[in-house]
Amino acid sequence: MSLPIIIIAILVGLALIALEIVALPGGVSGIVGGIIVAVGVWQTYANYGSTAGNITMIASIGIGIAMLAVLMKSGTWKRFSLNEESDGKTNEPEKHNIKVGAQGKSLTRLAPAGNALIGDEIVEVHSEGEFIDEGTEIEVIEIEGYKVTVRKVE
């Protein structure tokens, strides 16, 4: 294998590793990139001797570390991360006064989960598995931790 091909292989391998770190989770591109870099270094040892192999290995490690430092300092990875806060919340059973048997009205379609007005509280509820349309009278049949289970009032 010629030296330009070895250099291109190592650079492609390092680019795949950087892509794995920044954008493509799952490990495939990082593993393939690592294999390509290892083959490039191995070919350097095989074709050009131990001195050239050692230089190539040290250069590959140095370039990889420098590339990682540049990627992290430049904020490139921030473009791929979630920048918004989630304002969602779960039911807090110790804070609401809902009891089994309480009745209310579904505010959204329960498919099979949604929101309901029980007493004067808006609560996330789950049906027994059936879909319940918005505005349907419901009854609490079970409270287990954070999960409030309801059914349609017949």
N, C-alpha and C. Protein backbone atom coordinates (compact mmCIF):
# COMPACT_ATOMS: atom_id res chain seq x y z
N MET A 1 0.86 -1.18 0.00
CA MET A 1 0.00 0.00 0.00
C MET A 1 0.90 1.23 0.00
N SER A 2 0.61 2.19 -0.86
CA SER A 2 1.46 3.37 -0.98
C SER A 2 1.18 4.36 0.17
N LEU A 3 2.15 5.20 0.42
CA LEU A 3 2.06 6.15 1.52
C LEU A 3 0.87 7.10 1.39
N PRO A 4 0.57 7.67 0.21
CA PRO A 4 -0.61 8.55 0.12
C PRO A 4 -1.92 7.82 0.46
N ILE A 5 -2.04 6.58 0.05
CA ILE A 5 -3.25 5.81 0.37
C ILE A 5 -3.34 5.55 1.87
N ILE A 6 -2.21 5.26 2.50
CA ILE A 6 -2.20 5.05 3.95
C ILE A 6 -2.62 6.33 4.68
N ILE A 7 -2.09 7.47 4.25
CA ILE A 7 -2.43 8.75 4.88
C ILE A 7 -3.92 9.05 4.70
N ILE A 8 -4.44 8.84 3.50
CA ILE A 8 -5.87 9.08 3.25
C ILE A 8 -6.72 8.14 4.10
N ALA A 9 -6.32 6.87 4.21
CA ALA A 9 -7.07 5.91 5.02
C ALA A 9 -7.11 6.34 6.49
N ILE A 10 -5.97 6.77 7.00
CA ILE A 10 -5.92 7.20 8.40
C ILE A 10 -6.78 8.44 8.61
N LEU A 11 -6.73 9.39 7.68
CA LEU A 11 -7.55 10.60 7.82
C LEU A 11 -9.04 10.28 7.72
N VAL A 12 -9.41 9.36 6.84
CA VAL A 12 -10.82 8.94 6.73
C VAL A 12 -11.25 8.24 8.03
N GLY A 13 -10.38 7.40 8.56
CA GLY A 13 -10.69 6.73 9.82
C GLY A 13 -10.88 7.71 10.96
N LEU A 14 -10.00 8.70 11.05
CA LEU A 14 -10.14 9.71 12.10
C LEU A 14 -11.41 10.54 11.91
N ALA A 15 -11.75 10.83 10.65
CA ALA A 15 -12.99 11.57 10.38
C ALA A 15 -14.21 10.75 10.82
N LEU A 16 -14.19 9.44 10.57
CA LEU A 16 -15.31 8.59 11.01
C LEU A 16 -15.41 8.56 12.53
N ILE A 17 -14.29 8.52 13.21
CA ILE A 17 -14.31 8.55 14.68
C ILE A 17 -14.88 9.87 15.17
N ALA A 18 -14.47 10.98 14.56
CA ALA A 18 -15.00 12.30 14.95
C ALA A 18 -16.50 12.37 14.67
N LEU A 19 -16.93 11.83 13.55
CA LEU A 19 -18.35 11.80 13.21
C LEU A 19 -19.13 10.99 14.24
N GLU A 20 -18.56 9.92 14.71
CA GLU A 20 -19.20 9.10 15.75
C GLU A 20 -19.38 9.92 17.03
N ILE A 21 -18.37 10.66 17.40
CA ILE A 21 -18.42 11.42 18.65
C ILE A 21 -19.42 12.58 18.54
N VAL A 22 -19.46 13.23 17.38
CA VAL A 22 -20.27 14.43 17.24
C VAL A 22 -21.69 14.16 16.79
N ALA A 23 -21.89 13.26 15.83
CA ALA A 23 -23.20 13.21 15.19
C ALA A 23 -23.86 11.84 15.10
N LEU A 24 -23.13 10.77 15.00
CA LEU A 24 -23.73 9.47 14.73
C LEU A 24 -23.57 8.50 15.89
N PRO A 25 -24.51 8.48 16.81
CA PRO A 25 -24.40 7.54 17.91
C PRO A 25 -24.64 6.11 17.43
N GLY A 26 -24.19 5.15 18.17
CA GLY A 26 -24.43 3.77 17.82
C GLY A 26 -23.16 2.95 17.72
N GLY A 27 -22.04 3.57 17.46
CA GLY A 27 -20.77 2.88 17.49
C GLY A 27 -20.25 2.39 16.16
N VAL A 28 -21.09 2.28 15.13
CA VAL A 28 -20.65 1.68 13.88
C VAL A 28 -19.57 2.51 13.21
N SER A 29 -19.80 3.80 13.04
CA SER A 29 -18.79 4.61 12.35
C SER A 29 -17.51 4.73 13.18
N GLY A 30 -17.63 4.76 14.49
CA GLY A 30 -16.44 4.82 15.33
C GLY A 30 -15.61 3.55 15.25
N ILE A 31 -16.28 2.41 15.23
CA ILE A 31 -15.57 1.13 15.12
C ILE A 31 -14.91 0.99 13.75
N VAL A 32 -15.66 1.32 12.70
CA VAL A 32 -15.10 1.26 11.35
C VAL A 32 -13.92 2.23 11.23
N GLY A 33 -14.07 3.43 11.75
CA GLY A 33 -12.97 4.40 11.72
C GLY A 33 -11.75 3.91 12.47
N GLY A 34 -11.96 3.30 13.63
CA GLY A 34 -10.83 2.75 14.40
C GLY A 34 -10.13 1.64 13.65
N ILE A 35 -10.91 0.78 12.98
CA ILE A 35 -10.31 -0.31 12.20
C ILE A 35 -9.51 0.26 11.04
N ILE A 36 -10.04 1.27 10.37
CA ILE A 36 -9.33 1.87 9.23
C ILE A 36 -8.01 2.51 9.70
N VAL A 37 -8.02 3.20 10.83
CA VAL A 37 -6.80 3.81 11.36
C VAL A 37 -5.80 2.71 11.73
N ALA A 38 -6.28 1.65 12.38
CA ALA A 38 -5.39 0.55 12.78
C ALA A 38 -4.77 -0.13 11.55
N VAL A 39 -5.57 -0.34 10.50
CA VAL A 39 -5.03 -0.94 9.27
C VAL A 39 -4.00 -0.01 8.64
N GLY A 40 -4.27 1.28 8.63
CA GLY A 40 -3.30 2.23 8.08
C GLY A 40 -1.98 2.21 8.83
N VAL A 41 -2.05 2.18 10.16
CA VAL A 41 -0.82 2.12 10.96
C VAL A 41 -0.11 0.78 10.74
N TRP A 42 -0.86 -0.30 10.71
CA TRP A 42 -0.29 -1.63 10.48
C TRP A 42 0.40 -1.70 9.12
N GLN A 43 -0.23 -1.14 8.08
CA GLN A 43 0.38 -1.13 6.74
C GLN A 43 1.67 -0.30 6.72
N THR A 44 1.71 0.76 7.51
CA THR A 44 2.93 1.56 7.59
C THR A 44 4.05 0.73 8.22
N TYR A 45 3.75 0.01 9.30
CA TYR A 45 4.75 -0.87 9.91
C TYR A 45 5.20 -1.93 8.91
N ALA A 46 4.25 -2.53 8.19
CA ALA A 46 4.58 -3.62 7.28
C ALA A 46 5.39 -3.15 6.07
N ASN A 47 5.06 -2.01 5.52
CA ASN A 47 5.70 -1.56 4.28
C ASN A 47 6.90 -0.63 4.47
N TYR A 48 6.94 0.10 5.60
CA TYR A 48 7.98 1.12 5.74
C TYR A 48 8.82 0.96 7.00
N GLY A 49 8.59 -0.04 7.79
CA GLY A 49 9.43 -0.32 8.95
C GLY A 49 8.88 0.26 10.24
N SER A 50 9.60 -0.07 11.32
CA SER A 50 9.11 0.30 12.65
C SER A 50 9.22 1.80 12.93
N THR A 51 10.24 2.46 12.40
CA THR A 51 10.37 3.90 12.64
C THR A 51 9.20 4.66 12.02
N ALA A 52 8.91 4.38 10.77
CA ALA A 52 7.78 5.03 10.10
C ALA A 52 6.47 4.63 10.76
N GLY A 53 6.36 3.37 11.18
CA GLY A 53 5.15 2.92 11.87
C GLY A 53 4.93 3.65 13.18
N ASN A 54 6.02 3.81 13.96
CA ASN A 54 5.91 4.54 15.23
C ASN A 54 5.52 5.99 15.00
N ILE A 55 6.12 6.62 14.00
CA ILE A 55 5.79 8.02 13.69
C ILE A 55 4.32 8.13 13.28
N THR A 56 3.88 7.20 12.44
CA THR A 56 2.48 7.23 11.99
C THR A 56 1.52 7.01 13.15
N MET A 57 1.84 6.08 14.04
CA MET A 57 0.97 5.82 15.18
C MET A 57 0.90 7.03 16.11
N ILE A 58 2.04 7.62 16.42
CA ILE A 58 2.06 8.80 17.30
C ILE A 58 1.34 9.97 16.64
N ALA A 59 1.57 10.14 15.32
CA ALA A 59 0.90 11.23 14.60
C ALA A 59 -0.62 11.01 14.58
N SER A 60 -1.05 9.77 14.38
CA SER A 60 -2.49 9.47 14.36
C SER A 60 -3.13 9.77 15.71
N ILE A 61 -2.47 9.38 16.77
CA ILE A 61 -3.00 9.65 18.11
C ILE A 61 -3.02 11.16 18.37
N GLY A 62 -1.94 11.85 18.01
CA GLY A 62 -1.88 13.30 18.20
C GLY A 62 -2.94 14.04 17.39
N ILE A 63 -3.09 13.65 16.12
CA ILE A 63 -4.11 14.30 15.29
C ILE A 63 -5.50 14.01 15.83
N GLY A 64 -5.73 12.78 16.28
CA GLY A 64 -7.04 12.43 16.86
C GLY A 64 -7.36 13.26 18.09
N ILE A 65 -6.39 13.42 18.98
CA ILE A 65 -6.60 14.23 20.19
C ILE A 65 -6.82 15.69 19.82
N ALA A 66 -6.01 16.21 18.90
CA ALA A 66 -6.16 17.61 18.48
C ALA A 66 -7.51 17.84 17.83
N MET A 67 -7.94 16.90 16.98
CA MET A 67 -9.23 17.02 16.32
C MET A 67 -10.37 17.00 17.35
N LEU A 68 -10.27 16.13 18.32
CA LEU A 68 -11.28 16.07 19.37
C LEU A 68 -11.32 17.37 20.17
N ALA A 69 -10.15 17.91 20.49
CA ALA A 69 -10.10 19.17 21.24
C ALA A 69 -10.72 20.32 20.43
N VAL A 70 -10.42 20.38 19.14
CA VAL A 70 -10.98 21.44 18.28
C VAL A 70 -12.50 21.29 18.20
N LEU A 71 -12.98 20.06 18.03
CA LEU A 71 -14.43 19.84 17.95
C LEU A 71 -15.13 20.26 19.24
N MET A 72 -14.54 19.95 20.35
CA MET A 72 -15.18 20.27 21.63
C MET A 72 -15.10 21.77 21.93
N LYS A 73 -13.99 22.41 21.61
CA LYS A 73 -13.86 23.84 21.89
C LYS A 73 -14.67 24.69 20.93
N SER A 74 -14.82 24.26 19.70
CA SER A 74 -15.54 25.06 18.72
C SER A 74 -17.04 25.04 18.94
N GLY A 75 -17.52 24.12 19.75
CA GLY A 75 -18.94 24.04 20.02
C GLY A 75 -19.71 23.33 18.91
N THR A 76 -19.00 22.63 18.04
CA THR A 76 -19.67 21.90 16.96
C THR A 76 -20.70 20.94 17.51
N TRP A 77 -20.39 20.26 18.59
CA TRP A 77 -21.29 19.27 19.17
C TRP A 77 -22.55 19.92 19.72
N LYS A 78 -22.49 21.23 20.06
CA LYS A 78 -23.67 21.90 20.60
C LYS A 78 -24.77 22.06 19.56
N ARG A 79 -24.39 22.10 18.28
CA ARG A 79 -25.40 22.20 17.23
C ARG A 79 -26.25 20.95 17.14
N PHE A 80 -25.74 19.84 17.63
CA PHE A 80 -26.47 18.59 17.55
C PHE A 80 -27.20 18.24 18.84
N SER A 81 -27.01 19.04 19.88
CA SER A 81 -27.63 18.72 21.16
C SER A 81 -28.91 19.52 21.37
N LEU A 82 -29.75 19.02 22.25
CA LEU A 82 -31.01 19.68 22.57
C LEU A 82 -30.73 20.90 23.45
N ASN A 83 -31.21 22.06 23.01
CA ASN A 83 -30.94 23.29 23.74
C ASN A 83 -32.16 23.81 24.50
N GLU A 84 -33.28 23.12 24.38
CA GLU A 84 -34.48 23.58 25.03
C GLU A 84 -34.74 22.78 26.30
N GLU A 85 -35.40 23.43 27.23
CA GLU A 85 -35.76 22.74 28.46
C GLU A 85 -37.15 22.14 28.32
N SER A 86 -37.34 21.02 28.95
CA SER A 86 -38.65 20.39 28.95
C SER A 86 -39.41 20.90 30.16
N ASP A 87 -40.62 21.38 29.93
CA ASP A 87 -41.41 21.88 31.05
C ASP A 87 -42.52 20.90 31.42
N GLY A 88 -42.39 19.67 30.94
CA GLY A 88 -43.38 18.64 31.27
C GLY A 88 -43.29 18.25 32.73
N LYS A 89 -44.35 17.67 33.22
CA LYS A 89 -44.35 17.25 34.61
C LYS A 89 -45.16 15.97 34.74
N THR A 90 -44.92 15.27 35.81
CA THR A 90 -45.68 14.07 36.08
C THR A 90 -46.60 14.33 37.27
N ASN A 91 -47.55 13.45 37.45
CA ASN A 91 -48.42 13.57 38.62
C ASN A 91 -47.58 13.38 39.88
N GLU A 92 -47.94 14.09 40.90
CA GLU A 92 -47.30 13.92 42.18
C GLU A 92 -48.37 13.47 43.16
N PRO A 93 -48.47 12.17 43.43
CA PRO A 93 -49.59 11.66 44.19
C PRO A 93 -49.74 12.28 45.58
N GLU A 94 -48.63 12.62 46.20
CA GLU A 94 -48.75 13.18 47.54
C GLU A 94 -49.27 14.61 47.54
N LYS A 95 -49.31 15.26 46.35
CA LYS A 95 -49.75 16.64 46.29
C LYS A 95 -51.20 16.80 45.87
N HIS A 96 -51.81 15.78 45.27
CA HIS A 96 -53.20 15.95 44.87
C HIS A 96 -54.12 15.16 45.80
N ASN A 97 -55.36 15.56 45.80
CA ASN A 97 -56.34 14.98 46.72
C ASN A 97 -57.28 14.01 46.03
N ILE A 98 -56.84 13.41 44.95
CA ILE A 98 -57.69 12.51 44.19
C ILE A 98 -57.69 11.14 44.86
N LYS A 99 -58.87 10.56 44.96
CA LYS A 99 -59.03 9.24 45.57
C LYS A 99 -59.70 8.31 44.58
N VAL A 100 -59.56 7.03 44.80
CA VAL A 100 -60.26 6.05 43.98
C VAL A 100 -61.75 6.27 44.14
N GLY A 101 -62.46 6.26 43.02
CA GLY A 101 -63.90 6.51 43.01
C GLY A 101 -64.26 7.94 42.62
N ALA A 102 -63.27 8.84 42.62
CA ALA A 102 -63.54 10.24 42.24
C ALA A 102 -63.92 10.28 40.76
N GLN A 103 -64.81 11.21 40.42
CA GLN A 103 -65.25 11.33 39.05
C GLN A 103 -64.81 12.67 38.47
N GLY A 104 -64.71 12.69 37.15
CA GLY A 104 -64.30 13.90 36.46
C GLY A 104 -64.63 13.80 34.99
N LYS A 105 -63.93 14.62 34.20
CA LYS A 105 -64.19 14.68 32.77
C LYS A 105 -62.86 14.71 32.03
N SER A 106 -62.77 13.94 30.94
CA SER A 106 -61.54 13.94 30.16
C SER A 106 -61.42 15.26 29.40
N LEU A 107 -60.24 15.87 29.47
CA LEU A 107 -59.98 17.13 28.77
C LEU A 107 -59.41 16.88 27.38
N THR A 108 -58.73 15.75 27.23
CA THR A 108 -58.17 15.36 25.94
C THR A 108 -58.61 13.93 25.67
N ARG A 109 -58.40 13.47 24.46
CA ARG A 109 -58.71 12.09 24.14
C ARG A 109 -57.72 11.20 24.89
N LEU A 110 -58.21 10.21 25.59
CA LEU A 110 -57.34 9.28 26.29
C LEU A 110 -57.05 8.12 25.33
N ALA A 111 -55.85 8.10 24.81
CA ALA A 111 -55.52 7.12 23.79
C ALA A 111 -54.23 6.37 24.10
N PRO A 112 -54.09 5.62 25.11
CA PRO A 112 -54.96 5.49 26.26
C PRO A 112 -54.61 6.46 27.38
N ALA A 113 -53.69 7.40 27.15
CA ALA A 113 -53.36 8.37 28.19
C ALA A 113 -53.72 9.77 27.72
N GLY A 114 -53.97 10.65 28.66
CA GLY A 114 -54.29 12.04 28.35
C GLY A 114 -54.53 12.81 29.63
N ASN A 115 -55.19 13.96 29.52
CA ASN A 115 -55.45 14.79 30.69
C ASN A 115 -56.93 14.79 31.02
N ALA A 116 -57.19 14.91 32.31
CA ALA A 116 -58.58 14.95 32.77
C ALA A 116 -58.70 15.96 33.91
N LEU A 117 -59.90 16.48 34.07
CA LEU A 117 -60.21 17.38 35.17
C LEU A 117 -60.96 16.55 36.20
N ILE A 118 -60.31 16.34 37.34
CA ILE A 118 -60.93 15.58 38.43
C ILE A 118 -60.98 16.52 39.63
N GLY A 119 -62.18 16.82 40.07
CA GLY A 119 -62.36 17.86 41.09
C GLY A 119 -61.97 19.18 40.45
N ASP A 120 -61.00 19.85 41.04
CA ASP A 120 -60.53 21.11 40.45
C ASP A 120 -59.08 20.98 39.97
N GLU A 121 -58.62 19.73 39.78
CA GLU A 121 -57.24 19.49 39.37
C GLU A 121 -57.16 18.87 37.98
N ILE A 122 -56.21 19.34 37.20
CA ILE A 122 -55.92 18.72 35.91
C ILE A 122 -54.83 17.68 36.15
N VAL A 123 -55.13 16.44 35.77
CA VAL A 123 -54.25 15.32 36.08
C VAL A 123 -54.02 14.50 34.81
N GLU A 124 -52.82 13.97 34.66
CA GLU A 124 -52.56 13.01 33.59
C GLU A 124 -53.14 11.67 34.03
N VAL A 125 -53.97 11.09 33.17
CA VAL A 125 -54.63 9.83 33.51
C VAL A 125 -54.44 8.82 32.39
N HIS A 126 -54.67 7.56 32.72
CA HIS A 126 -54.57 6.46 31.76
C HIS A 126 -55.86 5.67 31.82
N SER A 127 -56.36 5.28 30.65
CA SER A 127 -57.54 4.43 30.63
C SER A 127 -57.09 2.99 30.80
N GLU A 128 -58.06 2.09 30.92
CA GLU A 128 -57.74 0.67 31.08
C GLU A 128 -57.22 0.06 29.78
N GLY A 129 -57.13 0.81 28.74
CA GLY A 129 -56.67 0.32 27.45
C GLY A 129 -57.55 0.82 26.33
N GLU A 130 -58.78 1.16 26.64
CA GLU A 130 -59.69 1.66 25.62
C GLU A 130 -59.44 3.15 25.39
N PHE A 131 -59.84 3.62 24.22
CA PHE A 131 -59.77 5.05 23.93
C PHE A 131 -61.03 5.71 24.48
N ILE A 132 -60.84 6.86 25.12
CA ILE A 132 -61.96 7.61 25.68
C ILE A 132 -61.92 8.99 25.06
N ASP A 133 -63.03 9.41 24.47
CA ASP A 133 -63.09 10.70 23.79
C ASP A 133 -63.06 11.86 24.77
N GLU A 134 -62.66 13.02 24.27
CA GLU A 134 -62.63 14.26 25.04
C GLU A 134 -64.04 14.60 25.52
N GLY A 135 -64.15 15.07 26.76
CA GLY A 135 -65.44 15.49 27.30
C GLY A 135 -66.26 14.35 27.90
N THR A 136 -65.69 13.14 27.98
CA THR A 136 -66.41 11.99 28.52
C THR A 136 -66.26 11.95 30.03
N GLU A 137 -67.36 11.60 30.72
CA GLU A 137 -67.31 11.44 32.18
C GLU A 137 -66.48 10.20 32.50
N ILE A 138 -65.55 10.35 33.46
CA ILE A 138 -64.68 9.25 33.85
C ILE A 138 -64.67 9.07 35.35
N GLU A 139 -64.17 7.91 35.79
CA GLU A 139 -64.07 7.60 37.21
C GLU A 139 -62.70 7.00 37.48
N VAL A 140 -62.07 7.42 38.58
CA VAL A 140 -60.77 6.89 38.97
C VAL A 140 -60.97 5.50 39.55
N ILE A 141 -60.27 4.51 38.99
CA ILE A 141 -60.41 3.15 39.50
C ILE A 141 -59.16 2.65 40.21
N GLU A 142 -58.02 3.33 39.97
CA GLU A 142 -56.78 2.89 40.63
C GLU A 142 -55.77 4.02 40.63
N ILE A 143 -55.03 4.15 41.73
CA ILE A 143 -53.91 5.08 41.81
C ILE A 143 -52.72 4.26 42.27
N GLU A 144 -51.72 4.17 41.38
CA GLU A 144 -50.54 3.37 41.68
C GLU A 144 -49.31 4.23 41.44
N GLY A 145 -48.71 4.74 42.50
CA GLY A 145 -47.57 5.64 42.34
C GLY A 145 -47.99 6.91 41.63
N TYR A 146 -47.39 7.16 40.47
CA TYR A 146 -47.71 8.35 39.69
C TYR A 146 -48.82 8.10 38.68
N LYS A 147 -49.25 6.87 38.54
CA LYS A 147 -50.22 6.52 37.49
C LYS A 147 -51.64 6.51 38.04
N VAL A 148 -52.49 7.31 37.42
CA VAL A 148 -53.91 7.37 37.78
C VAL A 148 -54.68 6.68 36.64
N THR A 149 -55.35 5.58 36.97
CA THR A 149 -56.09 4.82 35.96
C THR A 149 -57.58 5.13 36.10
N VAL A 150 -58.22 5.34 34.94
CA VAL A 150 -59.65 5.70 34.93
C VAL A 150 -60.40 4.81 33.95
N ARG A 151 -61.73 4.86 34.06
CA ARG A 151 -62.59 4.22 33.07
C ARG A 151 -63.78 5.11 32.82
N LYS A 152 -64.44 4.86 31.70
CA LYS A 152 -65.61 5.63 31.30
C LYS A 152 -66.76 5.32 32.27
N VAL A 153 -67.49 6.36 32.69
CA VAL A 153 -68.66 6.16 33.55
C VAL A 153 -69.79 5.69 32.65
N GLU A 154 -70.38 4.56 32.98
CA GLU A 154 -71.49 3.99 32.17
C GLU A 154 -72.80 4.54 32.61
